[in-house]
Amino acid sequence: MPTAPTPPLSRETAFVPACSTGMQAGDVLVSRPTARADVYEISVVPSLARLSDVRYEDGWETGRQLARRLAVDGWFTSDHTHFLRIATYRPYKAAR
């Protein structure tokens, strides 16, 4: 059975390996501390978590809002190996 085509990922929402994320100090990271936890920690790279949410959607929204306030990029990971850019507020010339 054919599957529906997936829309192409944009610069704002693209899974990338950890070694080539372009993540910079000051960026916001939304992550799950364990695979079984339904808690999403929000931190500013490279610091420890500053905030947490218990719902997937709330974690993403909190991460996006914080990234917007800090004028940086926002990222999500559930395995700390693959990252998804969820917000882009850093000026383009500063992004790598």
Protein backbone atom coordinates (compact mmCIF):
# COMPACT_ATOMS: atom_id res chain seq x y z
CA MET A 1 0.00 0.00 0.00
CA PRO A 2 1.58 3.33 -1.01
CA THR A 3 2.07 5.93 1.66
CA ALA A 4 1.38 9.62 1.38
CA PRO A 5 4.43 11.67 0.42
CA THR A 6 6.08 13.50 3.25
CA PRO A 7 6.48 17.23 2.87
CA PRO A 8 10.10 18.34 2.50
CA LEU A 9 11.78 19.56 5.66
CA SER A 10 12.58 23.24 5.75
CA ARG A 11 15.54 25.01 7.31
CA GLU A 12 13.35 25.68 10.35
CA THR A 13 12.33 22.03 10.87
CA ALA A 14 14.99 19.59 9.78
CA PHE A 15 16.33 16.50 11.56
CA VAL A 16 20.09 16.63 11.60
CA PRO A 17 22.75 14.49 13.29
CA ALA A 18 24.30 15.91 16.45
CA CYS A 19 27.69 16.48 14.84
CA SER A 20 26.24 18.80 12.18
CA THR A 21 23.37 20.56 13.92
CA GLY A 22 24.82 24.03 13.92
CA MET A 23 23.60 24.30 17.50
CA GLN A 24 25.39 27.13 19.26
CA ALA A 25 25.87 28.15 22.86
CA GLY A 26 22.77 30.03 23.91
CA ASP A 27 20.35 27.99 21.75
CA VAL A 28 17.29 26.46 23.41
CA LEU A 29 17.05 22.67 23.66
CA VAL A 30 13.86 20.74 24.41
CA SER A 31 14.65 17.15 25.36
CA ARG A 32 13.36 14.02 27.03
CA PRO A 33 15.68 12.89 29.85
CA THR A 34 14.70 9.24 29.35
CA ALA A 35 12.75 7.29 26.75
CA ARG A 36 10.09 6.41 29.30
CA ALA A 37 9.57 9.86 30.77
CA ASP A 38 6.72 12.08 29.63
CA VAL A 39 8.64 15.10 30.88
CA TYR A 40 10.24 17.52 28.47
CA GLU A 41 13.15 19.57 29.80
CA ILE A 42 13.89 22.98 28.34
CA SER A 43 17.45 24.27 28.66
CA VAL A 44 19.77 26.86 27.19
CA VAL A 45 22.80 25.10 25.70
CA PRO A 46 25.11 24.13 27.43
CA SER A 47 23.33 24.64 30.78
CA LEU A 48 21.09 22.25 32.67
CA ALA A 49 17.31 22.34 32.28
CA ARG A 50 15.65 25.58 33.35
CA LEU A 51 12.03 24.60 32.73
CA SER A 52 9.99 21.45 32.20
CA ASP A 53 6.65 20.49 30.69
CA VAL A 54 4.72 17.23 30.86
CA ARG A 55 3.17 17.36 27.39
CA TYR A 56 4.93 17.12 24.05
CA GLU A 57 3.12 20.12 22.58
CA ASP A 58 3.72 22.25 25.68
CA GLY A 59 7.45 21.44 25.66
CA TRP A 60 7.77 22.51 22.03
CA GLU A 61 5.75 25.69 22.60
CA THR A 62 7.77 26.65 25.69
CA GLY A 63 11.00 26.01 23.76
CA ARG A 64 9.84 28.15 20.83
CA GLN A 65 8.75 31.00 23.11
CA LEU A 66 12.07 30.98 24.98
CA ALA A 67 14.03 30.88 21.70
CA ARG A 68 12.03 33.86 20.43
CA ARG A 69 12.65 35.86 23.64
CA LEU A 70 16.40 35.08 23.51
CA ALA A 71 16.62 35.58 19.69
CA VAL A 72 18.29 32.17 19.19
CA ASP A 73 17.42 28.85 17.52
CA GLY A 74 15.34 26.17 19.23
CA TRP A 75 15.99 22.42 18.99
CA PHE A 76 14.24 19.20 20.03
CA THR A 77 15.72 15.77 20.71
CA SER A 78 14.29 12.61 22.17
CA ASP A 79 17.51 10.56 21.94
CA HIS A 80 20.34 13.15 22.16
CA THR A 81 21.64 11.84 18.83
CA HIS A 82 19.17 13.34 16.34
CA PHE A 83 17.97 16.90 16.59
CA LEU A 84 15.06 18.78 15.05
CA ARG A 85 15.20 22.55 14.66
CA ILE A 86 11.87 23.83 15.99
CA ALA A 87 12.55 27.57 15.92
CA THR A 88 14.84 29.96 14.08
CA TYR A 89 15.19 33.40 15.61
CA ARG A 90 18.98 33.85 15.40
CA PRO A 91 19.95 36.31 12.67
CA TYR A 92 20.88 34.31 9.55
CA LYS A 93 24.45 35.62 9.34
CA ALA A 94 25.15 34.41 12.90
CA ALA A 95 23.80 30.91 12.17
CA ARG A 96 26.24 28.27 10.95
